[in-house]
Amino acid sequence: MTLPYTVENNDITMMIVQHTRRSTGRRNASTHSTDCMRKAPGGQNSWPSPSTPIISGQPFRIKYLEAVYAHIAQFSGVLHWNGEQILNWYVTRDKRGEQ
């Protein structure tokens, strides 16, 4: 199984390669992406947020990642799942014959 992946929202791309400011990079890419997807018509949407503990988990960066999750969590119907949870949902759904 493969999961969707966005290079643009990856902390390595934003902070290490593009040298985006901590205060705007993760927040802007993440909140703009989720706001856009939330408004998309119908269907289920998946928004991957690739984060590297050695980068986004640093004490001087973690508050920006926490702000992104706080923004996303304010909307109903949003689930925060890791890859294993997504896989378990998919396998269970597939066994039930759902599409």
PDB file of N, CA and C in Angstrom:
ATOM      1  N   MET A   1       0.848  -1.175   0.000  1.00  0.00           N
ATOM      2  CA  MET A   1       0.000   0.000   0.000  1.00  0.00           C
ATOM      3  C   MET A   1       0.891   1.235   0.000  1.00  0.00           C
ATOM      4  N   THR A   2       0.485   2.222  -0.747  1.00  0.00           N
ATOM      5  CA  THR A   2       1.191   3.506  -0.719  1.00  0.00           C
ATOM      6  C   THR A   2       0.235   4.577  -0.222  1.00  0.00           C
ATOM      7  N   LEU A   3       0.782   5.552   0.434  1.00  0.00           N
ATOM      8  CA  LEU A   3      -0.005   6.669   0.950  1.00  0.00           C
ATOM      9  C   LEU A   3       0.344   7.926   0.179  1.00  0.00           C
ATOM     10  N   PRO A   4      -0.604   8.838   0.055  1.00  0.00           N
ATOM     11  CA  PRO A   4      -0.296  10.111  -0.614  1.00  0.00           C
ATOM     12  C   PRO A   4       0.838  10.829   0.114  1.00  0.00           C
ATOM     13  N   TYR A   5       1.582  11.582  -0.644  1.00  0.00           N
ATOM     14  CA  TYR A   5       2.732  12.284  -0.076  1.00  0.00           C
ATOM     15  C   TYR A   5       2.909  13.606  -0.796  1.00  0.00           C
ATOM     16  N   THR A   6       3.067  14.670  -0.041  1.00  0.00           N
ATOM     17  CA  THR A   6       3.286  15.969  -0.653  1.00  0.00           C
ATOM     18  C   THR A   6       4.685  16.466  -0.330  1.00  0.00           C
ATOM     19  N   VAL A   7       5.497  16.590  -1.333  1.00  0.00           N
ATOM     20  CA  VAL A   7       6.855  17.086  -1.145  1.00  0.00           C
ATOM     21  C   VAL A   7       6.813  18.534  -0.672  1.00  0.00           C
ATOM     22  N   GLU A   8       5.857  19.301  -1.181  1.00  0.00           N
ATOM     23  CA  GLU A   8       5.787  20.726  -0.846  1.00  0.00           C
ATOM     24  C   GLU A   8       5.516  20.964   0.633  1.00  0.00           C
ATOM     25  N   ASN A   9       4.796  20.058   1.292  1.00  0.00           N
ATOM     26  CA  ASN A   9       4.480  20.238   2.708  1.00  0.00           C
ATOM     27  C   ASN A   9       5.452  19.512   3.622  1.00  0.00           C
ATOM     28  N   ASN A  10       6.476  18.928   3.062  1.00  0.00           N
ATOM     29  CA  ASN A  10       7.479  18.212   3.839  1.00  0.00           C
ATOM     30  C   ASN A  10       8.391  19.221   4.539  1.00  0.00           C
ATOM     31  N   ASP A  11       8.670  18.970   5.804  1.00  0.00           N
ATOM     32  CA  ASP A  11       9.518  19.919   6.533  1.00  0.00           C
ATOM     33  C   ASP A  11      10.950  19.965   6.002  1.00  0.00           C
ATOM     34  N   ILE A  12      11.427  18.872   5.437  1.00  0.00           N
ATOM     35  CA  ILE A  12      12.768  18.892   4.845  1.00  0.00           C
ATOM     36  C   ILE A  12      12.801  19.856   3.666  1.00  0.00           C
ATOM     37  N   THR A  13      11.800  19.744   2.794  1.00  0.00           N
ATOM     38  CA  THR A  13      11.725  20.631   1.629  1.00  0.00           C
ATOM     39  C   THR A  13      11.616  22.085   2.061  1.00  0.00           C
ATOM     40  N   MET A  14      10.675  22.365   2.957  1.00  0.00           N
ATOM     41  CA  MET A  14      10.419  23.747   3.351  1.00  0.00           C
ATOM     42  C   MET A  14      11.562  24.377   4.145  1.00  0.00           C
ATOM     43  N   MET A  15      12.032  23.680   5.136  1.00  0.00           N
ATOM     44  CA  MET A  15      12.966  24.309   6.070  1.00  0.00           C
ATOM     45  C   MET A  15      14.435  24.101   5.733  1.00  0.00           C
ATOM     46  N   ILE A  16      14.767  22.967   5.157  1.00  0.00           N
ATOM     47  CA  ILE A  16      16.176  22.673   4.894  1.00  0.00           C
ATOM     48  C   ILE A  16      16.569  23.050   3.467  1.00  0.00           C
ATOM     49  N   VAL A  17      15.739  22.688   2.494  1.00  0.00           N
ATOM     50  CA  VAL A  17      16.073  22.963   1.093  1.00  0.00           C
ATOM     51  C   VAL A  17      15.718  24.398   0.700  1.00  0.00           C
ATOM     52  N   GLN A  18      14.482  24.818   0.990  1.00  0.00           N
ATOM     53  CA  GLN A  18      14.025  26.145   0.561  1.00  0.00           C
ATOM     54  C   GLN A  18      14.325  27.240   1.591  1.00  0.00           C
ATOM     55  N   HIS A  19      14.753  26.877   2.761  1.00  0.00           N
ATOM     56  CA  HIS A  19      15.077  27.832   3.834  1.00  0.00           C
ATOM     57  C   HIS A  19      13.907  28.766   4.148  1.00  0.00           C
ATOM     58  N   THR A  20      12.704  28.189   4.151  1.00  0.00           N
ATOM     59  CA  THR A  20      11.507  28.959   4.479  1.00  0.00           C
ATOM     60  C   THR A  20      11.528  29.311   5.964  1.00  0.00           C
ATOM     61  N   ARG A  21      11.071  30.494   6.278  1.00  0.00           N
ATOM     62  CA  ARG A  21      11.016  30.925   7.680  1.00  0.00           C
ATOM     63  C   ARG A  21      10.116  29.992   8.477  1.00  0.00           C
ATOM     64  N   ARG A  22      10.542  29.663   9.667  1.00  0.00           N
ATOM     65  CA  ARG A  22       9.771  28.762  10.534  1.00  0.00           C
ATOM     66  C   ARG A  22       8.369  29.288  10.780  1.00  0.00           C
ATOM     67  N   SER A  23       8.252  30.565  11.001  1.00  0.00           N
ATOM     68  CA  SER A  23       6.971  31.144  11.390  1.00  0.00           C
ATOM     69  C   SER A  23       5.941  31.141  10.275  1.00  0.00           C
ATOM     70  N   THR A  24       6.371  31.056   9.045  1.00  0.00           N
ATOM     71  CA  THR A  24       5.407  31.111   7.940  1.00  0.00           C
ATOM     72  C   THR A  24       5.359  29.840   7.099  1.00  0.00           C
ATOM     73  N   GLY A  25       6.456  29.166   6.942  1.00  0.00           N
ATOM     74  CA  GLY A  25       6.522  28.023   6.032  1.00  0.00           C
ATOM     75  C   GLY A  25       5.541  26.924   6.320  1.00  0.00           C
ATOM     76  N   ARG A  26       5.654  26.291   7.441  1.00  0.00           N
ATOM     77  CA  ARG A  26       4.789  25.167   7.782  1.00  0.00           C
ATOM     78  C   ARG A  26       3.350  25.645   7.926  1.00  0.00           C
ATOM     79  N   ARG A  27       3.161  26.760   8.588  1.00  0.00           N
ATOM     80  CA  ARG A  27       1.805  27.269   8.818  1.00  0.00           C
ATOM     81  C   ARG A  27       1.101  27.572   7.509  1.00  0.00           C
ATOM     82  N   ASN A  28       1.742  28.303   6.633  1.00  0.00           N
ATOM     83  CA  ASN A  28       1.090  28.689   5.383  1.00  0.00           C
ATOM     84  C   ASN A  28       0.793  27.498   4.495  1.00  0.00           C
ATOM     85  N   ALA A  29       1.778  26.644   4.280  1.00  0.00           N
ATOM     86  CA  ALA A  29       1.559  25.485   3.420  1.00  0.00           C
ATOM     87  C   ALA A  29       0.479  24.583   3.995  1.00  0.00           C
ATOM     88  N   SER A  30       0.523  24.371   5.286  1.00  0.00           N
ATOM     89  CA  SER A  30      -0.413  23.451   5.923  1.00  0.00           C
ATOM     90  C   SER A  30      -1.816  24.007   6.017  1.00  0.00           C
ATOM     91  N   THR A  31      -1.957  25.221   6.501  1.00  0.00           N
ATOM     92  CA  THR A  31      -3.303  25.765   6.666  1.00  0.00           C
ATOM     93  C   THR A  31      -3.947  26.063   5.319  1.00  0.00           C
ATOM     94  N   HIS A  32      -3.174  26.558   4.369  1.00  0.00           N
ATOM     95  CA  HIS A  32      -3.748  26.808   3.044  1.00  0.00           C
ATOM     96  C   HIS A  32      -4.173  25.499   2.381  1.00  0.00           C
ATOM     97  N   SER A  33      -3.354  24.474   2.518  1.00  0.00           N
ATOM     98  CA  SER A  33      -3.679  23.172   1.931  1.00  0.00           C
ATOM     99  C   SER A  33      -4.941  22.587   2.543  1.00  0.00           C
ATOM    100  N   THR A  34      -5.011  22.586   3.862  1.00  0.00           N
ATOM    101  CA  THR A  34      -6.180  21.988   4.506  1.00  0.00           C
ATOM    102  C   THR A  34      -7.435  22.821   4.270  1.00  0.00           C
ATOM    103  N   ASP A  35      -7.326  24.124   4.252  1.00  0.00           N
ATOM    104  CA  ASP A  35      -8.499  24.961   3.980  1.00  0.00           C
ATOM    105  C   ASP A  35      -9.029  24.704   2.572  1.00  0.00           C
ATOM    106  N   CYS A  36      -8.135  24.567   1.627  1.00  0.00           N
ATOM    107  CA  CYS A  36      -8.537  24.290   0.245  1.00  0.00           C
ATOM    108  C   CYS A  36      -9.222  22.928   0.151  1.00  0.00           C
ATOM    109  N   MET A  37      -8.645  21.912   0.749  1.00  0.00           N
ATOM    110  CA  MET A  37      -9.220  20.565   0.686  1.00  0.00           C
ATOM    111  C   MET A  37     -10.557  20.496   1.404  1.00  0.00           C
ATOM    112  N   ARG A  38     -10.667  21.208   2.502  1.00  0.00           N
ATOM    113  CA  ARG A  38     -11.910  21.202   3.279  1.00  0.00           C
ATOM    114  C   ARG A  38     -13.068  21.748   2.452  1.00  0.00           C
ATOM    115  N   LYS A  39     -12.787  22.679   1.565  1.00  0.00           N
ATOM    116  CA  LYS A  39     -13.825  23.300   0.743  1.00  0.00           C
ATOM    117  C   LYS A  39     -14.099  22.531  -0.544  1.00  0.00           C
ATOM    118  N   ALA A  40     -13.287  21.510  -0.842  1.00  0.00           N
ATOM    119  CA  ALA A  40     -13.457  20.740  -2.076  1.00  0.00           C
ATOM    120  C   ALA A  40     -14.799  20.008  -2.054  1.00  0.00           C
ATOM    121  N   PRO A  41     -15.462  19.921  -3.193  1.00  0.00           N
ATOM    122  CA  PRO A  41     -16.769  19.266  -3.237  1.00  0.00           C
ATOM    123  C   PRO A  41     -16.663  17.749  -3.052  1.00  0.00           C
ATOM    124  N   GLY A  42     -17.505  17.200  -2.164  1.00  0.00           N
ATOM    125  CA  GLY A  42     -17.692  15.756  -1.987  1.00  0.00           C
ATOM    126  C   GLY A  42     -16.445  14.929  -1.744  1.00  0.00           C
ATOM    127  N   GLY A  43     -16.692  13.696  -1.376  1.00  0.00           N
ATOM    128  CA  GLY A  43     -15.620  12.729  -1.249  1.00  0.00           C
ATOM    129  C   GLY A  43     -14.748  12.903  -0.017  1.00  0.00           C
ATOM    130  N   GLN A  44     -13.909  11.933   0.182  1.00  0.00           N
ATOM    131  CA  GLN A  44     -12.968  11.976   1.285  1.00  0.00           C
ATOM    132  C   GLN A  44     -11.655  12.521   0.772  1.00  0.00           C
ATOM    133  N   ASN A  45     -11.021  13.303   1.571  1.00  0.00           N
ATOM    134  CA  ASN A  45      -9.742  13.883   1.187  1.00  0.00           C
ATOM    135  C   ASN A  45      -8.668  13.451   2.168  1.00  0.00           C
ATOM    136  N   SER A  46      -7.485  13.340   1.663  1.00  0.00           N
ATOM    137  CA  SER A  46      -6.340  12.979   2.475  1.00  0.00           C
ATOM    138  C   SER A  46      -5.281  14.056   2.297  1.00  0.00           C
ATOM    139  N   TRP A  47      -4.761  14.546   3.408  1.00  0.00           N
ATOM    140  CA  TRP A  47      -3.708  15.535   3.334  1.00  0.00           C
ATOM    141  C   TRP A  47      -2.537  15.058   4.179  1.00  0.00           C
ATOM    142  N   PRO A  48      -1.495  14.579   3.527  1.00  0.00           N
ATOM    143  CA  PRO A  48      -0.342  14.120   4.285  1.00  0.00           C
ATOM    144  C   PRO A  48       0.494  15.293   4.793  1.00  0.00           C
ATOM    145  N   SER A  49       0.982  15.140   5.975  1.00  0.00           N
ATOM    146  CA  SER A  49       1.824  16.166   6.576  1.00  0.00           C
ATOM    147  C   SER A  49       3.133  15.531   7.012  1.00  0.00           C
ATOM    148  N   PRO A  50       4.058  15.335   6.078  1.00  0.00           N
ATOM    149  CA  PRO A  50       5.317  14.690   6.431  1.00  0.00           C
ATOM    150  C   PRO A  50       6.153  15.556   7.366  1.00  0.00           C
ATOM    151  N   SER A  51       6.421  15.038   8.535  1.00  0.00           N
ATOM    152  CA  SER A  51       7.203  15.774   9.526  1.00  0.00           C
ATOM    153  C   SER A  51       8.337  14.899  10.027  1.00  0.00           C
ATOM    154  N   THR A  52       9.478  15.498  10.181  1.00  0.00           N
ATOM    155  CA  THR A  52      10.647  14.800  10.667  1.00  0.00           C
ATOM    156  C   THR A  52      10.944  15.291  12.078  1.00  0.00           C
ATOM    157  N   PRO A  53      10.945  14.392  13.060  1.00  0.00           N
ATOM    158  CA  PRO A  53      11.177  14.838  14.438  1.00  0.00           C
ATOM    159  C   PRO A  53      12.449  15.654  14.612  1.00  0.00           C
ATOM    160  N   ILE A  54      13.490  15.322  13.898  1.00  0.00           N
ATOM    161  CA  ILE A  54      14.758  16.045  14.038  1.00  0.00           C
ATOM    162  C   ILE A  54      14.661  17.475  13.491  1.00  0.00           C
ATOM    163  N   ILE A  55      13.630  17.730  12.659  1.00  0.00           N
ATOM    164  CA  ILE A  55      13.452  19.074  12.091  1.00  0.00           C
ATOM    165  C   ILE A  55      12.277  19.774  12.782  1.00  0.00           C
ATOM    166  N   SER A  56      11.049  19.317  12.536  1.00  0.00           N
ATOM    167  CA  SER A  56       9.871  19.978  13.109  1.00  0.00           C
ATOM    168  C   SER A  56       9.757  19.790  14.608  1.00  0.00           C
ATOM    169  N   GLY A  57      10.396  18.763  15.145  1.00  0.00           N
ATOM    170  CA  GLY A  57      10.315  18.495  16.572  1.00  0.00           C
ATOM    171  C   GLY A  57      11.284  19.289  17.422  1.00  0.00           C
ATOM    172  N   GLN A  58      12.096  20.123  16.794  1.00  0.00           N
ATOM    173  CA  GLN A  58      13.035  20.947  17.554  1.00  0.00           C
ATOM    174  C   GLN A  58      12.268  21.961  18.407  1.00  0.00           C
ATOM    175  N   PRO A  59      12.759  22.254  19.596  1.00  0.00           N
ATOM    176  CA  PRO A  59      12.050  23.176  20.487  1.00  0.00           C
ATOM    177  C   PRO A  59      11.702  24.520  19.849  1.00  0.00           C
ATOM    178  N   PHE A  60      12.550  25.034  18.977  1.00  0.00           N
ATOM    179  CA  PHE A  60      12.274  26.332  18.368  1.00  0.00           C
ATOM    180  C   PHE A  60      11.334  26.231  17.163  1.00  0.00           C
ATOM    181  N   ARG A  61      10.922  25.008  16.771  1.00  0.00           N
ATOM    182  CA  ARG A  61      10.007  24.832  15.648  1.00  0.00           C
ATOM    183  C   ARG A  61       8.679  24.182  16.035  1.00  0.00           C
ATOM    184  N   ILE A  62       8.643  23.456  17.117  1.00  0.00           N
ATOM    185  CA  ILE A  62       7.483  22.630  17.439  1.00  0.00           C
ATOM    186  C   ILE A  62       6.202  23.449  17.593  1.00  0.00           C
ATOM    187  N   LYS A  63       6.303  24.674  18.079  1.00  0.00           N
ATOM    188  CA  LYS A  63       5.091  25.474  18.279  1.00  0.00           C
ATOM    189  C   LYS A  63       4.379  25.755  16.953  1.00  0.00           C
ATOM    190  N   TYR A  64       5.121  25.823  15.862  1.00  0.00           N
ATOM    191  CA  TYR A  64       4.507  26.080  14.557  1.00  0.00           C
ATOM    192  C   TYR A  64       3.761  24.840  14.063  1.00  0.00           C
ATOM    193  N   LEU A  65       4.321  23.670  14.316  1.00  0.00           N
ATOM    194  CA  LEU A  65       3.643  22.428  13.963  1.00  0.00           C
ATOM    195  C   LEU A  65       2.394  22.246  14.822  1.00  0.00           C
ATOM    196  N   GLU A  66       2.498  22.560  16.093  1.00  0.00           N
ATOM    197  CA  GLU A  66       1.342  22.473  16.985  1.00  0.00           C
ATOM    198  C   GLU A  66       0.240  23.431  16.540  1.00  0.00           C
ATOM    199  N   ALA A  67       0.601  24.609  16.051  1.00  0.00           N
ATOM    200  CA  ALA A  67      -0.388  25.579  15.562  1.00  0.00           C
ATOM    201  C   ALA A  67      -1.122  25.036  14.339  1.00  0.00           C
ATOM    202  N   VAL A  68      -0.411  24.329  13.479  1.00  0.00           N
ATOM    203  CA  VAL A  68      -1.039  23.726  12.303  1.00  0.00           C
ATOM    204  C   VAL A  68      -2.083  22.708  12.744  1.00  0.00           C
ATOM    205  N   TYR A  69      -1.716  21.819  13.662  1.00  0.00           N
ATOM    206  CA  TYR A  69      -2.657  20.801  14.122  1.00  0.00           C
ATOM    207  C   TYR A  69      -3.837  21.424  14.860  1.00  0.00           C
ATOM    208  N   ALA A  70      -3.617  22.486  15.592  1.00  0.00           N
ATOM    209  CA  ALA A  70      -4.722  23.177  16.262  1.00  0.00           C
ATOM    210  C   ALA A  70      -5.679  23.763  15.234  1.00  0.00           C
ATOM    211  N   HIS A  71      -5.134  24.326  14.154  1.00  0.00           N
ATOM    212  CA  HIS A  71      -5.974  24.879  13.089  1.00  0.00           C
ATOM    213  C   HIS A  71      -6.817  23.782  12.449  1.00  0.00           C
ATOM    214  N   ILE A  72      -6.186  22.678  12.122  1.00  0.00           N
ATOM    215  CA  ILE A  72      -6.889  21.575  11.464  1.00  0.00           C
ATOM    216  C   ILE A  72      -7.945  20.966  12.385  1.00  0.00           C
ATOM    217  N   ALA A  73      -7.630  20.835  13.670  1.00  0.00           N
ATOM    218  CA  ALA A  73      -8.527  20.186  14.625  1.00  0.00           C
ATOM    219  C   ALA A  73      -9.809  20.957  14.887  1.00  0.00           C
ATOM    220  N   GLN A  74      -9.864  22.226  14.510  1.00  0.00           N
ATOM    221  CA  GLN A  74     -11.070  23.007  14.787  1.00  0.00           C
ATOM    222  C   GLN A  74     -12.252  22.625  13.898  1.00  0.00           C
ATOM    223  N   PHE A  75     -12.012  21.858  12.850  1.00  0.00           N
ATOM    224  CA  PHE A  75     -13.071  21.484  11.914  1.00  0.00           C
ATOM    225  C   PHE A  75     -13.624  20.110  12.251  1.00  0.00           C
ATOM    226  N   SER A  76     -14.943  19.973  12.180  1.00  0.00           N
ATOM    227  CA  SER A  76     -15.555  18.676  12.471  1.00  0.00           C
ATOM    228  C   SER A  76     -15.266  17.697  11.331  1.00  0.00           C
ATOM    229  N   GLY A  77     -15.211  16.432  11.681  1.00  0.00           N
ATOM    230  CA  GLY A  77     -14.994  15.392  10.687  1.00  0.00           C
ATOM    231  C   GLY A  77     -13.548  15.182  10.285  1.00  0.00           C
ATOM    232  N   VAL A  78     -12.637  15.894  10.918  1.00  0.00           N
ATOM    233  CA  VAL A  78     -11.217  15.752  10.590  1.00  0.00           C
ATOM    234  C   VAL A  78     -10.620  14.671  11.483  1.00  0.00           C
ATOM    235  N   LEU A  79      -9.897  13.767  10.867  1.00  0.00           N
ATOM    236  CA  LEU A  79      -9.234  12.700  11.602  1.00  0.00           C
ATOM    237  C   LEU A  79      -7.728  12.878  11.487  1.00  0.00           C
ATOM    238  N   HIS A  80      -7.031  12.687  12.568  1.00  0.00           N
ATOM    239  CA  HIS A  80      -5.569  12.756  12.578  1.00  0.00           C
ATOM    240  C   HIS A  80      -5.058  11.329  12.712  1.00  0.00           C
ATOM    241  N   TRP A  81      -4.699  10.738  11.601  1.00  0.00           N
ATOM    242  CA  TRP A  81      -4.263   9.341  11.587  1.00  0.00           C
ATOM    243  C   TRP A  81      -2.833   9.231  11.106  1.00  0.00           C
ATOM    244  N   ASN A  82      -2.146   8.235  11.641  1.00  0.00           N
ATOM    245  CA  ASN A  82      -0.825   7.902  11.115  1.00  0.00           C
ATOM    246  C   ASN A  82      -0.997   6.828  10.033  1.00  0.00           C
ATOM    247  N   GLY A  83       0.090   6.439   9.398  1.00  0.00           N
ATOM    248  CA  GLY A  83       0.019   5.479   8.302  1.00  0.00           C
ATOM    249  C   GLY A  83      -0.598   4.150   8.697  1.00  0.00           C
ATOM    250  N   GLU A  84      -0.295   3.667   9.886  1.00  0.00           N
ATOM    251  CA  GLU A  84      -0.847   2.394  10.344  1.00  0.00           C
ATOM    252  C   GLU A  84      -2.365   2.478  10.501  1.00  0.00           C
ATOM    253  N   GLN A  85      -2.858   3.581  11.038  1.00  0.00           N
ATOM    254  CA  GLN A  85      -4.300   3.752  11.207  1.00  0.00           C
ATOM    255  C   GLN A  85      -5.007   3.814   9.856  1.00  0.00           C
ATOM    256  N   ILE A  86      -4.407   4.479   8.897  1.00  0.00           N
ATOM    257  CA  ILE A  86      -4.990   4.547   7.553  1.00  0.00           C
ATOM    258  C   ILE A  86      -5.037   3.160   6.934  1.00  0.00           C
ATOM    259  N   LEU A  87      -3.957   2.409   7.057  1.00  0.00           N
ATOM    260  CA  LEU A  87      -3.911   1.053   6.517  1.00  0.00           C
ATOM    261  C   LEU A  87      -4.981   0.171   7.168  1.00  0.00           C
ATOM    262  N   ASN A  88      -5.098   0.223   8.489  1.00  0.00           N
ATOM    263  CA  ASN A  88      -6.115  -0.579   9.180  1.00  0.00           C
ATOM    264  C   ASN A  88      -7.520  -0.211   8.722  1.00  0.00           C
ATOM    265  N   TRP A  89      -7.796   1.063   8.557  1.00  0.00           N
ATOM    266  CA  TRP A  89      -9.099   1.497   8.054  1.00  0.00           C
ATOM    267  C   TRP A  89      -9.339   0.932   6.658  1.00  0.00           C
ATOM    268  N   TYR A  90      -8.340   1.018   5.802  1.00  0.00           N
ATOM    269  CA  TYR A  90      -8.475   0.553   4.426  1.00  0.00           C
ATOM    270  C   TYR A  90      -8.713  -0.952   4.372  1.00  0.00           C
ATOM    271  N   VAL A  91      -7.937  -1.716   5.117  1.00  0.00           N
ATOM    272  CA  VAL A  91      -8.077  -3.176   5.112  1.00  0.00           C
ATOM    273  C   VAL A  91      -9.447  -3.570   5.651  1.00  0.00           C
ATOM    274  N   THR A  92      -9.885  -2.955   6.732  1.00  0.00           N
ATOM    275  CA  THR A  92     -11.203  -3.253   7.310  1.00  0.00           C
ATOM    276  C   THR A  92     -12.310  -2.875   6.344  1.00  0.00           C
ATOM    277  N   ARG A  93     -12.198  -1.731   5.717  1.00  0.00           N
ATOM    278  CA  ARG A  93     -13.184  -1.252   4.746  1.00  0.00           C
ATOM    279  C   ARG A  93     -13.259  -2.207   3.568  1.00  0.00           C
ATOM    280  N   ASP A  94     -12.115  -2.654   3.072  1.00  0.00           N
ATOM    281  CA  ASP A  94     -12.048  -3.542   1.925  1.00  0.00           C
ATOM    282  C   ASP A  94     -12.706  -4.884   2.244  1.00  0.00           C
ATOM    283  N   LYS A  95     -12.524  -5.395   3.445  1.00  0.00           N
ATOM    284  CA  LYS A  95     -13.120  -6.679   3.848  1.00  0.00           C
ATOM    285  C   LYS A  95     -14.635  -6.591   3.939  1.00  0.00           C
ATOM    286  N   ARG A  96     -15.144  -5.403   4.251  1.00  0.00           N
ATOM    287  CA  ARG A  96     -16.592  -5.207   4.338  1.00  0.00           C
ATOM    288  C   ARG A  96     -17.216  -4.968   2.971  1.00  0.00           C
ATOM    289  N   GLY A  97     -16.371  -4.808   1.951  1.00  0.00           N
ATOM    290  CA  GLY A  97     -16.875  -4.588   0.603  1.00  0.00           C
ATOM    291  C   GLY A  97     -17.266  -3.160   0.312  1.00  0.00           C
ATOM    292  N   GLU A  98     -16.817  -2.231   1.143  1.00  0.00           N
ATOM    293  CA  GLU A  98     -17.144  -0.824   0.913  1.00  0.00           C
ATOM    294  C   GLU A  98     -16.246  -0.264  -0.180  1.00  0.00           C
ATOM    295  N   GLN A  99     -16.723   0.799  -0.785  1.00  0.00           N
ATOM    296  CA  GLN A  99     -15.911   1.483  -1.802  1.00  0.00           C
ATOM    297  C   GLN A  99     -15.633   2.887  -1.391  1.00  0.00           C
TER     298      GLN A  99
END
